[in-house]
Amino acid sequence: MVARRRKRAARDPKEGIPSPPGYSAIPIKFSEKQQASHYLYVRAHSVREGTKSTWPQKRTLFVLNVPPYCTEESLSRLLSPCGPVQSVELQEKPDLAESPKESKSKFFYPKRVPGFQVAYVVFQKPGGVSAALTLKGPLLVSTESHPVKSGIHKWISDYADSVPDPEALRIEVDTFMEAYDQKIAEEEAKAKEEEGVPDEEGWVKVTRRGRRPVLPRTEAASLRVLERERRKRARKELLNFYAWQHRESKMEHLAQLRKKFEEDKQRIELMRAQRKFRPY
């Protein structure tokens, strides 16, 4: 009984459309040929009192269950009868950040996996949100005047968009490097000003800045450093630590003594044969 009451409460009393509590349902269709409708669940975007939000209050519409074929342009066109739309942004998850987000590069960030998303629609006037909450459908995403690509045409378009423009890529890289160099210069200037200056508690920050700049290490210098480390490790190795090592070292020493004794015998025989042997 309780589950039935919840289901009845979750339905729109006018249209009988299932929707989460606090949301209004807007039916949409991909095209006229489609018989079944897909539902967008919308409500006015709001945050807790005293919390900052990225989106303007009373002018932002929060949309759930946005299908993959519904782009920002098509969503703006569907909601344009409610009022002039200022901006539309699609996201994988609801935005919980209190501060504005930095714009991400389209070249160096991975492309989002297509799937159902959420959207933030900002109208120019607050009346657009109230009109969108009472919007009836079904609305068509793909029309003759505004067709939405699908199938192989969409794959071809996505592939063409995945190939970056070299000039636009160069401009973005140059802009990023200029901003990075400026940031590094500001950090170095700030560190130089704070060098040797005690803080509020009397502590002085010690940095690794030296009088002479460190020269870049060449390949030959790196090889010398590696050889030095190898010799140092060889000296630290434990010799004759185990019993079997001690036994093998003794056997090797005896073998060397026998070899030297045989060599000395041969040398003496050779000197005798040459009659140059003078024992005294």
C-alpha atoms as a PDB file:
ATOM      1  CA  MET A   1       0.000   0.000   0.000  1.00  0.00           C
ATOM      2  CA  VAL A   2       2.797   2.406   0.879  1.00  0.00           C
ATOM      3  CA  ALA A   3       4.564   1.725  -2.439  1.00  0.00           C
ATOM      4  CA  ARG A   4       1.329   2.378  -4.370  1.00  0.00           C
ATOM      5  CA  ARG A   5       0.817   5.690  -2.572  1.00  0.00           C
ATOM      6  CA  ARG A   6       4.356   6.744  -3.410  1.00  0.00           C
ATOM      7  CA  LYS A   7       3.865   5.856  -7.063  1.00  0.00           C
ATOM      8  CA  ARG A   8       0.633   7.839  -7.172  1.00  0.00           C
ATOM      9  CA  ALA A   9       2.300  10.819  -5.503  1.00  0.00           C
ATOM     10  CA  ALA A  10       5.171  10.668  -7.978  1.00  0.00           C
ATOM     11  CA  ARG A  11       2.794  10.960 -10.946  1.00  0.00           C
ATOM     12  CA  ASP A  12       1.749  14.258 -12.463  1.00  0.00           C
ATOM     13  CA  PRO A  13      -1.936  14.640 -11.504  1.00  0.00           C
ATOM     14  CA  LYS A  14      -2.812  16.347 -14.792  1.00  0.00           C
ATOM     15  CA  GLU A  15      -1.085  14.190 -17.375  1.00  0.00           C
ATOM     16  CA  GLY A  16      -0.410  11.027 -15.461  1.00  0.00           C
ATOM     17  CA  ILE A  17       3.301  11.234 -16.395  1.00  0.00           C
ATOM     18  CA  PRO A  18       5.683   9.601 -13.886  1.00  0.00           C
ATOM     19  CA  SER A  19       8.203  12.103 -12.471  1.00  0.00           C
ATOM     20  CA  PRO A  20      10.396  12.404  -9.383  1.00  0.00           C
ATOM     21  CA  PRO A  21       9.039  14.519  -6.528  1.00  0.00           C
ATOM     22  CA  GLY A  22       9.600  18.221  -7.153  1.00  0.00           C
ATOM     23  CA  TYR A  23      10.160  17.808 -10.905  1.00  0.00           C
ATOM     24  CA  SER A  24       7.962  18.463 -13.917  1.00  0.00           C
ATOM     25  CA  ALA A  25       8.036  16.111 -16.908  1.00  0.00           C
ATOM     26  CA  ILE A  26       8.398  17.334 -20.496  1.00  0.00           C
ATOM     27  CA  PRO A  27       7.872  14.646 -23.180  1.00  0.00           C
ATOM     28  CA  ILE A  28      10.127  14.789 -26.229  1.00  0.00           C
ATOM     29  CA  LYS A  29      10.565  12.706 -29.380  1.00  0.00           C
ATOM     30  CA  PHE A  30      13.556  12.342 -31.654  1.00  0.00           C
ATOM     31  CA  SER A  31      11.400  12.708 -34.778  1.00  0.00           C
ATOM     32  CA  GLU A  32       7.824  12.385 -35.950  1.00  0.00           C
ATOM     33  CA  LYS A  33       8.363   8.714 -36.812  1.00  0.00           C
ATOM     34  CA  GLN A  34       9.042   7.839 -33.196  1.00  0.00           C
ATOM     35  CA  GLN A  35       5.966   6.673 -31.335  1.00  0.00           C
ATOM     36  CA  ALA A  36       7.249   6.435 -27.744  1.00  0.00           C
ATOM     37  CA  SER A  37       8.152   9.618 -25.874  1.00  0.00           C
ATOM     38  CA  HIS A  38      11.197  10.350 -23.775  1.00  0.00           C
ATOM     39  CA  TYR A  39      10.782  12.520 -20.683  1.00  0.00           C
ATOM     40  CA  LEU A  40      12.923  15.395 -19.475  1.00  0.00           C
ATOM     41  CA  TYR A  41      12.543  16.154 -15.765  1.00  0.00           C
ATOM     42  CA  VAL A  42      12.957  19.846 -14.966  1.00  0.00           C
ATOM     43  CA  ARG A  43      12.861  22.060 -11.905  1.00  0.00           C
ATOM     44  CA  ALA A  44      14.122  25.487 -10.914  1.00  0.00           C
ATOM     45  CA  HIS A  45      17.753  25.400  -9.853  1.00  0.00           C
ATOM     46  CA  SER A  46      18.195  26.257  -6.174  1.00  0.00           C
ATOM     47  CA  VAL A  47      20.882  25.890  -3.532  1.00  0.00           C
ATOM     48  CA  ARG A  48      20.964  26.090   0.219  1.00  0.00           C
ATOM     49  CA  GLU A  49      20.772  29.471   1.871  1.00  0.00           C
ATOM     50  CA  GLY A  50      24.199  31.021   2.256  1.00  0.00           C
ATOM     51  CA  THR A  51      25.763  28.804  -0.423  1.00  0.00           C
ATOM     52  CA  LYS A  52      27.289  30.332  -3.540  1.00  0.00           C
ATOM     53  CA  SER A  53      26.286  28.871  -6.882  1.00  0.00           C
ATOM     54  CA  THR A  54      27.849  28.990 -10.319  1.00  0.00           C
ATOM     55  CA  TRP A  55      24.449  29.508 -11.929  1.00  0.00           C
ATOM     56  CA  PRO A  56      22.251  32.609 -11.443  1.00  0.00           C
ATOM     57  CA  GLN A  57      19.304  32.108  -9.119  1.00  0.00           C
ATOM     58  CA  LYS A  58      15.709  32.324 -10.424  1.00  0.00           C
ATOM     59  CA  ARG A  59      16.934  32.207 -14.031  1.00  0.00           C
ATOM     60  CA  THR A  60      18.423  28.689 -14.186  1.00  0.00           C
ATOM     61  CA  LEU A  61      16.508  25.547 -15.111  1.00  0.00           C
ATOM     62  CA  PHE A  62      17.928  22.196 -13.996  1.00  0.00           C
ATOM     63  CA  VAL A  63      17.171  19.352 -16.440  1.00  0.00           C
ATOM     64  CA  LEU A  64      17.529  15.612 -15.767  1.00  0.00           C
ATOM     65  CA  ASN A  65      17.490  12.589 -18.101  1.00  0.00           C
ATOM     66  CA  VAL A  66      18.884  14.374 -21.162  1.00  0.00           C
ATOM     67  CA  PRO A  67      19.407  11.738 -23.904  1.00  0.00           C
ATOM     68  CA  PRO A  68      22.694  11.479 -25.853  1.00  0.00           C
ATOM     69  CA  TYR A  69      21.156  12.719 -29.120  1.00  0.00           C
ATOM     70  CA  CYS A  70      19.971  15.943 -27.474  1.00  0.00           C
ATOM     71  CA  THR A  71      22.733  18.529 -27.930  1.00  0.00           C
ATOM     72  CA  GLU A  72      23.060  21.951 -26.353  1.00  0.00           C
ATOM     73  CA  GLU A  73      21.778  23.607 -29.528  1.00  0.00           C
ATOM     74  CA  SER A  74      18.724  21.358 -29.774  1.00  0.00           C
ATOM     75  CA  LEU A  75      17.929  21.776 -26.065  1.00  0.00           C
ATOM     76  CA  SER A  76      18.150  25.547 -26.443  1.00  0.00           C
ATOM     77  CA  ARG A  77      15.798  25.383 -29.430  1.00  0.00           C
ATOM     78  CA  LEU A  78      13.283  23.189 -27.557  1.00  0.00           C
ATOM     79  CA  LEU A  79      13.122  25.620 -24.631  1.00  0.00           C
ATOM     80  CA  SER A  80      13.272  28.835 -26.667  1.00  0.00           C
ATOM     81  CA  PRO A  81       9.415  29.194 -26.728  1.00  0.00           C
ATOM     82  CA  CYS A  82       9.593  29.756 -22.966  1.00  0.00           C
ATOM     83  CA  GLY A  83      11.838  32.770 -23.386  1.00  0.00           C
ATOM     84  CA  PRO A  84      15.244  33.859 -24.702  1.00  0.00           C
ATOM     85  CA  VAL A  85      17.931  31.378 -23.611  1.00  0.00           C
ATOM     86  CA  GLN A  86      21.239  32.813 -22.456  1.00  0.00           C
ATOM     87  CA  SER A  87      23.314  29.608 -22.190  1.00  0.00           C
ATOM     88  CA  VAL A  88      23.015  25.818 -22.038  1.00  0.00           C
ATOM     89  CA  GLU A  89      25.613  23.495 -20.529  1.00  0.00           C
ATOM     90  CA  LEU A  90      25.533  19.696 -20.442  1.00  0.00           C
ATOM     91  CA  GLN A  91      27.311  17.748 -17.695  1.00  0.00           C
ATOM     92  CA  GLU A  92      27.679  14.134 -16.665  1.00  0.00           C
ATOM     93  CA  LYS A  93      26.754  14.893 -13.039  1.00  0.00           C
ATOM     94  CA  PRO A  94      25.114  17.781 -11.184  1.00  0.00           C
ATOM     95  CA  ASP A  95      27.479  20.619 -10.376  1.00  0.00           C
ATOM     96  CA  LEU A  96      28.178  20.775  -6.637  1.00  0.00           C
ATOM     97  CA  ALA A  97      31.013  23.315  -6.839  1.00  0.00           C
ATOM     98  CA  GLU A  98      30.535  26.630  -5.086  1.00  0.00           C
ATOM     99  CA  SER A  99      33.027  28.512  -7.251  1.00  0.00           C
ATOM    100  CA  PRO A 100      32.983  29.017 -11.029  1.00  0.00           C
ATOM    101  CA  LYS A 101      34.784  26.324 -12.972  1.00  0.00           C
ATOM    102  CA  GLU A 102      37.709  26.996 -15.241  1.00  0.00           C
ATOM    103  CA  SER A 103      37.087  26.478 -18.926  1.00  0.00           C
ATOM    104  CA  LYS A 104      38.617  23.203 -20.099  1.00  0.00           C
ATOM    105  CA  SER A 105      40.497  22.797 -23.328  1.00  0.00           C
ATOM    106  CA  LYS A 106      38.816  20.797 -26.062  1.00  0.00           C
ATOM    107  CA  PHE A 107      42.221  19.524 -27.246  1.00  0.00           C
ATOM    108  CA  PHE A 108      43.842  18.194 -24.050  1.00  0.00           C
ATOM    109  CA  TYR A 109      40.894  16.829 -22.070  1.00  0.00           C
ATOM    110  CA  PRO A 110      39.320  13.467 -22.913  1.00  0.00           C
ATOM    111  CA  LYS A 111      35.975  13.559 -24.625  1.00  0.00           C
ATOM    112  CA  ARG A 112      33.036  12.654 -22.454  1.00  0.00           C
ATOM    113  CA  VAL A 113      31.484   9.242 -22.931  1.00  0.00           C
ATOM    114  CA  PRO A 114      28.087   9.690 -24.605  1.00  0.00           C
ATOM    115  CA  GLY A 115      25.235   8.858 -22.277  1.00  0.00           C
ATOM    116  CA  PHE A 116      22.382  10.415 -20.353  1.00  0.00           C
ATOM    117  CA  GLN A 117      23.359  13.761 -18.863  1.00  0.00           C
ATOM    118  CA  VAL A 118      22.071  16.709 -16.879  1.00  0.00           C
ATOM    119  CA  ALA A 119      21.741  20.237 -18.189  1.00  0.00           C
ATOM    120  CA  TYR A 120      21.745  23.771 -16.812  1.00  0.00           C
ATOM    121  CA  VAL A 121      19.657  26.165 -18.931  1.00  0.00           C
ATOM    122  CA  VAL A 122      20.041  29.854 -18.101  1.00  0.00           C
ATOM    123  CA  PHE A 123      17.280  32.176 -19.337  1.00  0.00           C
ATOM    124  CA  GLN A 124      17.657  35.900 -19.768  1.00  0.00           C
ATOM    125  CA  LYS A 125      14.539  36.539 -17.670  1.00  0.00           C
ATOM    126  CA  PRO A 126      13.116  34.685 -14.618  1.00  0.00           C
ATOM    127  CA  GLY A 127       9.826  34.136 -16.467  1.00  0.00           C
ATOM    128  CA  GLY A 128      11.512  31.571 -18.723  1.00  0.00           C
ATOM    129  CA  VAL A 129      11.915  29.107 -15.843  1.00  0.00           C
ATOM    130  CA  SER A 130       8.248  29.265 -14.801  1.00  0.00           C
ATOM    131  CA  ALA A 131       7.160  28.877 -18.421  1.00  0.00           C
ATOM    132  CA  ALA A 132       9.410  25.829 -18.883  1.00  0.00           C
ATOM    133  CA  LEU A 133       7.865  24.146 -15.822  1.00  0.00           C
ATOM    134  CA  THR A 134       4.435  24.273 -17.488  1.00  0.00           C
ATOM    135  CA  LEU A 135       5.639  23.372 -20.991  1.00  0.00           C
ATOM    136  CA  LYS A 136       3.585  20.722 -22.782  1.00  0.00           C
ATOM    137  CA  GLY A 137       4.756  18.235 -25.364  1.00  0.00           C
ATOM    138  CA  PRO A 138       5.795  16.167 -27.048  1.00  0.00           C
ATOM    139  CA  LEU A 139       8.599  18.303 -28.487  1.00  0.00           C
ATOM    140  CA  LEU A 140      10.535  17.187 -31.573  1.00  0.00           C
ATOM    141  CA  VAL A 141      14.331  17.179 -31.349  1.00  0.00           C
ATOM    142  CA  SER A 142      14.999  16.568 -35.053  1.00  0.00           C
ATOM    143  CA  THR A 143      12.871  18.450 -37.587  1.00  0.00           C
ATOM    144  CA  GLU A 144      13.167  19.248 -41.278  1.00  0.00           C
ATOM    145  CA  SER A 145      14.396  22.756 -40.550  1.00  0.00           C
ATOM    146  CA  HIS A 146      16.736  21.616 -37.746  1.00  0.00           C
ATOM    147  CA  PRO A 147      17.822  18.016 -38.463  1.00  0.00           C
ATOM    148  CA  VAL A 148      19.937  16.122 -35.915  1.00  0.00           C
ATOM    149  CA  LYS A 149      22.541  13.761 -37.370  1.00  0.00           C
ATOM    150  CA  SER A 150      22.300  10.092 -36.471  1.00  0.00           C
ATOM    151  CA  GLY A 151      23.785   6.796 -37.569  1.00  0.00           C
ATOM    152  CA  ILE A 152      26.732   6.848 -39.972  1.00  0.00           C
ATOM    153  CA  HIS A 153      26.313  10.584 -40.605  1.00  0.00           C
ATOM    154  CA  LYS A 154      26.854  11.263 -36.901  1.00  0.00           C
ATOM    155  CA  TRP A 155      29.930   8.996 -36.853  1.00  0.00           C
ATOM    156  CA  ILE A 156      31.424  10.848 -39.815  1.00  0.00           C
ATOM    157  CA  SER A 157      30.724  14.199 -38.147  1.00  0.00           C
ATOM    158  CA  ASP A 158      32.247  13.050 -34.830  1.00  0.00           C
ATOM    159  CA  TYR A 159      35.367  11.818 -36.622  1.00  0.00           C
ATOM    160  CA  ALA A 160      35.736  15.106 -38.499  1.00  0.00           C
ATOM    161  CA  ASP A 161      35.371  17.033 -35.227  1.00  0.00           C
ATOM    162  CA  SER A 162      38.003  14.817 -33.542  1.00  0.00           C
ATOM    163  CA  VAL A 163      40.722  16.031 -35.955  1.00  0.00           C
ATOM    164  CA  PRO A 164      42.120  19.237 -34.375  1.00  0.00           C
ATOM    165  CA  ASP A 165      42.816  22.374 -36.327  1.00  0.00           C
ATOM    166  CA  PRO A 166      46.634  22.952 -36.260  1.00  0.00           C
ATOM    167  CA  GLU A 167      46.331  26.738 -36.121  1.00  0.00           C
ATOM    168  CA  ALA A 168      43.775  26.684 -33.289  1.00  0.00           C
ATOM    169  CA  LEU A 169      45.907  24.149 -31.413  1.00  0.00           C
ATOM    170  CA  ARG A 170      49.014  26.338 -31.798  1.00  0.00           C
ATOM    171  CA  ILE A 171      47.162  29.414 -30.539  1.00  0.00           C
ATOM    172  CA  GLU A 172      45.866  27.563 -27.479  1.00  0.00           C
ATOM    173  CA  VAL A 173      49.308  26.118 -26.659  1.00  0.00           C
ATOM    174  CA  ASP A 174      50.938  29.559 -26.986  1.00  0.00           C
ATOM    175  CA  THR A 175      48.286  31.110 -24.762  1.00  0.00           C
ATOM    176  CA  PHE A 176      48.738  28.412 -22.125  1.00  0.00           C
ATOM    177  CA  MET A 177      52.536  28.729 -22.126  1.00  0.00           C
ATOM    178  CA  GLU A 178      52.361  32.518 -21.802  1.00  0.00           C
ATOM    179  CA  ALA A 179      50.038  32.208 -18.814  1.00  0.00           C
ATOM    180  CA  TYR A 180      52.275  29.497 -17.312  1.00  0.00           C
ATOM    181  CA  ASP A 181      55.448  31.569 -17.723  1.00  0.00           C
ATOM    182  CA  GLN A 182      53.749  34.556 -16.140  1.00  0.00           C
ATOM    183  CA  LYS A 183      52.597  32.412 -13.212  1.00  0.00           C
ATOM    184  CA  ILE A 184      56.121  31.016 -12.669  1.00  0.00           C
ATOM    185  CA  ALA A 185      57.626  34.507 -12.828  1.00  0.00           C
ATOM    186  CA  GLU A 186      55.158  35.777 -10.223  1.00  0.00           C
ATOM    187  CA  GLU A 187      55.910  32.830  -7.923  1.00  0.00           C
ATOM    188  CA  GLU A 188      59.669  33.393  -8.232  1.00  0.00           C
ATOM    189  CA  ALA A 189      59.283  37.103  -7.537  1.00  0.00           C
ATOM    190  CA  LYS A 190      57.135  36.382  -4.487  1.00  0.00           C
ATOM    191  CA  ALA A 191      59.618  33.781  -3.200  1.00  0.00           C
ATOM    192  CA  LYS A 192      62.488  36.232  -3.681  1.00  0.00           C
ATOM    193  CA  GLU A 193      60.646  38.870  -1.680  1.00  0.00           C
ATOM    194  CA  GLU A 194      59.892  36.448   1.155  1.00  0.00           C
ATOM    195  CA  GLU A 195      63.416  34.985   1.245  1.00  0.00           C
ATOM    196  CA  GLY A 196      65.042  35.633   4.612  1.00  0.00           C
ATOM    197  CA  VAL A 197      61.966  37.420   5.977  1.00  0.00           C
ATOM    198  CA  PRO A 198      60.563  35.873   9.187  1.00  0.00           C
ATOM    199  CA  ASP A 199      56.853  35.169   9.396  1.00  0.00           C
ATOM    200  CA  GLU A 200      54.469  36.135  12.207  1.00  0.00           C
ATOM    201  CA  GLU A 201      55.874  33.458  14.524  1.00  0.00           C
ATOM    202  CA  GLY A 202      59.496  34.342  13.783  1.00  0.00           C
ATOM    203  CA  TRP A 203      60.289  31.388  11.487  1.00  0.00           C
ATOM    204  CA  VAL A 204      62.384  31.904   8.378  1.00  0.00           C
ATOM    205  CA  LYS A 205      61.551  29.806   5.340  1.00  0.00           C
ATOM    206  CA  VAL A 206      64.607  28.011   3.964  1.00  0.00           C
ATOM    207  CA  THR A 207      64.614  27.462   0.211  1.00  0.00           C
ATOM    208  CA  ARG A 208      66.885  25.483  -2.097  1.00  0.00           C
ATOM    209  CA  ARG A 209      67.856  28.530  -4.105  1.00  0.00           C
ATOM    210  CA  GLY A 210      71.639  28.771  -4.399  1.00  0.00           C
ATOM    211  CA  ARG A 211      74.028  31.502  -5.488  1.00  0.00           C
ATOM    212  CA  ARG A 212      74.987  29.680  -8.656  1.00  0.00           C
ATOM    213  CA  PRO A 213      72.326  28.199 -10.929  1.00  0.00           C
ATOM    214  CA  VAL A 214      72.475  24.444 -11.387  1.00  0.00           C
ATOM    215  CA  LEU A 215      73.784  23.451 -14.810  1.00  0.00           C
ATOM    216  CA  PRO A 216      71.819  20.857 -16.763  1.00  0.00           C
ATOM    217  CA  ARG A 217      73.321  17.380 -16.493  1.00  0.00           C
ATOM    218  CA  THR A 218      74.711  16.004 -19.745  1.00  0.00           C
ATOM    219  CA  GLU A 219      74.710  12.358 -20.816  1.00  0.00           C
ATOM    220  CA  ALA A 220      78.400  11.905 -19.996  1.00  0.00           C
ATOM    221  CA  ALA A 221      77.893  13.365 -16.513  1.00  0.00           C
ATOM    222  CA  SER A 222      74.932  11.063 -15.950  1.00  0.00           C
ATOM    223  CA  LEU A 223      77.031   8.029 -16.933  1.00  0.00           C
ATOM    224  CA  ARG A 224      79.777   9.066 -14.504  1.00  0.00           C
ATOM    225  CA  VAL A 225      77.256   9.427 -11.710  1.00  0.00           C
ATOM    226  CA  LEU A 226      75.803   5.991 -12.459  1.00  0.00           C
ATOM    227  CA  GLU A 227      79.291   4.413 -12.504  1.00  0.00           C
ATOM    228  CA  ARG A 228      80.106   6.057  -9.173  1.00  0.00           C
ATOM    229  CA  GLU A 229      76.915   4.712  -7.653  1.00  0.00           C
ATOM    230  CA  ARG A 230      77.662   1.232  -8.983  1.00  0.00           C
ATOM    231  CA  ARG A 231      81.120   1.242  -7.395  1.00  0.00           C
ATOM    232  CA  LYS A 232      79.685   2.459  -4.116  1.00  0.00           C
ATOM    233  CA  ARG A 233      77.140  -0.363  -4.088  1.00  0.00           C
ATOM    234  CA  ALA A 234      79.891  -2.892  -4.926  1.00  0.00           C
ATOM    235  CA  ARG A 235      81.929  -1.754  -1.909  1.00  0.00           C
ATOM    236  CA  LYS A 236      78.913  -2.116   0.353  1.00  0.00           C
ATOM    237  CA  GLU A 237      78.254  -5.706  -0.661  1.00  0.00           C
ATOM    238  CA  LEU A 238      78.862  -8.259   2.101  1.00  0.00           C
ATOM    239  CA  LEU A 239      81.761 -10.573   1.268  1.00  0.00           C
ATOM    240  CA  ASN A 240      82.149 -13.990   2.959  1.00  0.00           C
ATOM    241  CA  PHE A 241      79.025 -13.354   4.978  1.00  0.00           C
ATOM    242  CA  TYR A 242      77.556 -16.815   4.473  1.00  0.00           C
ATOM    243  CA  ALA A 243      79.354 -20.119   5.121  1.00  0.00           C
ATOM    244  CA  TRP A 244      79.097 -21.210   1.498  1.00  0.00           C
ATOM    245  CA  GLN A 245      80.665 -17.895   0.381  1.00  0.00           C
ATOM    246  CA  HIS A 246      83.553 -18.416   2.804  1.00  0.00           C
ATOM    247  CA  ARG A 247      84.036 -22.007   1.588  1.00  0.00           C
ATOM    248  CA  GLU A 248      84.007 -20.999  -2.086  1.00  0.00           C
ATOM    249  CA  SER A 249      86.497 -18.177  -1.495  1.00  0.00           C
ATOM    250  CA  LYS A 250      88.907 -20.649   0.147  1.00  0.00           C
ATOM    251  CA  MET A 251      88.586 -23.038  -2.764  1.00  0.00           C
ATOM    252  CA  GLU A 252      89.216 -20.247  -5.259  1.00  0.00           C
ATOM    253  CA  HIS A 253      92.284 -19.141  -3.301  1.00  0.00           C
ATOM    254  CA  LEU A 254      93.692 -22.698  -3.298  1.00  0.00           C
ATOM    255  CA  ALA A 255      93.048 -23.001  -7.036  1.00  0.00           C
ATOM    256  CA  GLN A 256      94.938 -19.754  -7.674  1.00  0.00           C
ATOM    257  CA  LEU A 257      97.886 -20.965  -5.549  1.00  0.00           C
ATOM    258  CA  ARG A 258      98.069 -24.279  -7.472  1.00  0.00           C
ATOM    259  CA  LYS A 259      97.921 -22.430 -10.784  1.00  0.00           C
ATOM    260  CA  LYS A 260     100.724 -20.095  -9.712  1.00  0.00           C
ATOM    261  CA  PHE A 261     102.832 -23.052  -8.489  1.00  0.00           C
ATOM    262  CA  GLU A 262     102.497 -24.778 -11.880  1.00  0.00           C
ATOM    263  CA  GLU A 263     103.428 -21.578 -13.692  1.00  0.00           C
ATOM    264  CA  ASP A 264     106.534 -21.165 -11.506  1.00  0.00           C
ATOM    265  CA  LYS A 265     107.584 -24.792 -12.195  1.00  0.00           C
ATOM    266  CA  GLN A 266     107.310 -24.251 -15.938  1.00  0.00           C
ATOM    267  CA  ARG A 267     109.301 -21.026 -15.728  1.00  0.00           C
ATOM    268  CA  ILE A 268     112.087 -22.767 -13.756  1.00  0.00           C
ATOM    269  CA  GLU A 269     112.243 -25.668 -16.262  1.00  0.00           C
ATOM    270  CA  LEU A 270     112.526 -23.159 -19.095  1.00  0.00           C
ATOM    271  CA  MET A 271     115.364 -21.315 -17.400  1.00  0.00           C
ATOM    272  CA  ARG A 272     117.191 -24.626 -16.775  1.00  0.00           C
ATOM    273  CA  ALA A 273     116.860 -25.523 -20.396  1.00  0.00           C
ATOM    274  CA  GLN A 274     118.398 -22.199 -21.341  1.00  0.00           C
ATOM    275  CA  ARG A 275     121.183 -22.719 -18.713  1.00  0.00           C
ATOM    276  CA  LYS A 276     120.513 -19.426 -17.127  1.00  0.00           C
ATOM    277  CA  PHE A 277     119.393 -20.845 -13.850  1.00  0.00           C
ATOM    278  CA  ARG A 278     121.447 -19.384 -10.963  1.00  0.00           C
ATOM    279  CA  PRO A 279     119.870 -20.384  -7.681  1.00  0.00           C
ATOM    280  CA  TYR A 280     122.629 -18.596  -5.609  1.00  0.00           C
END
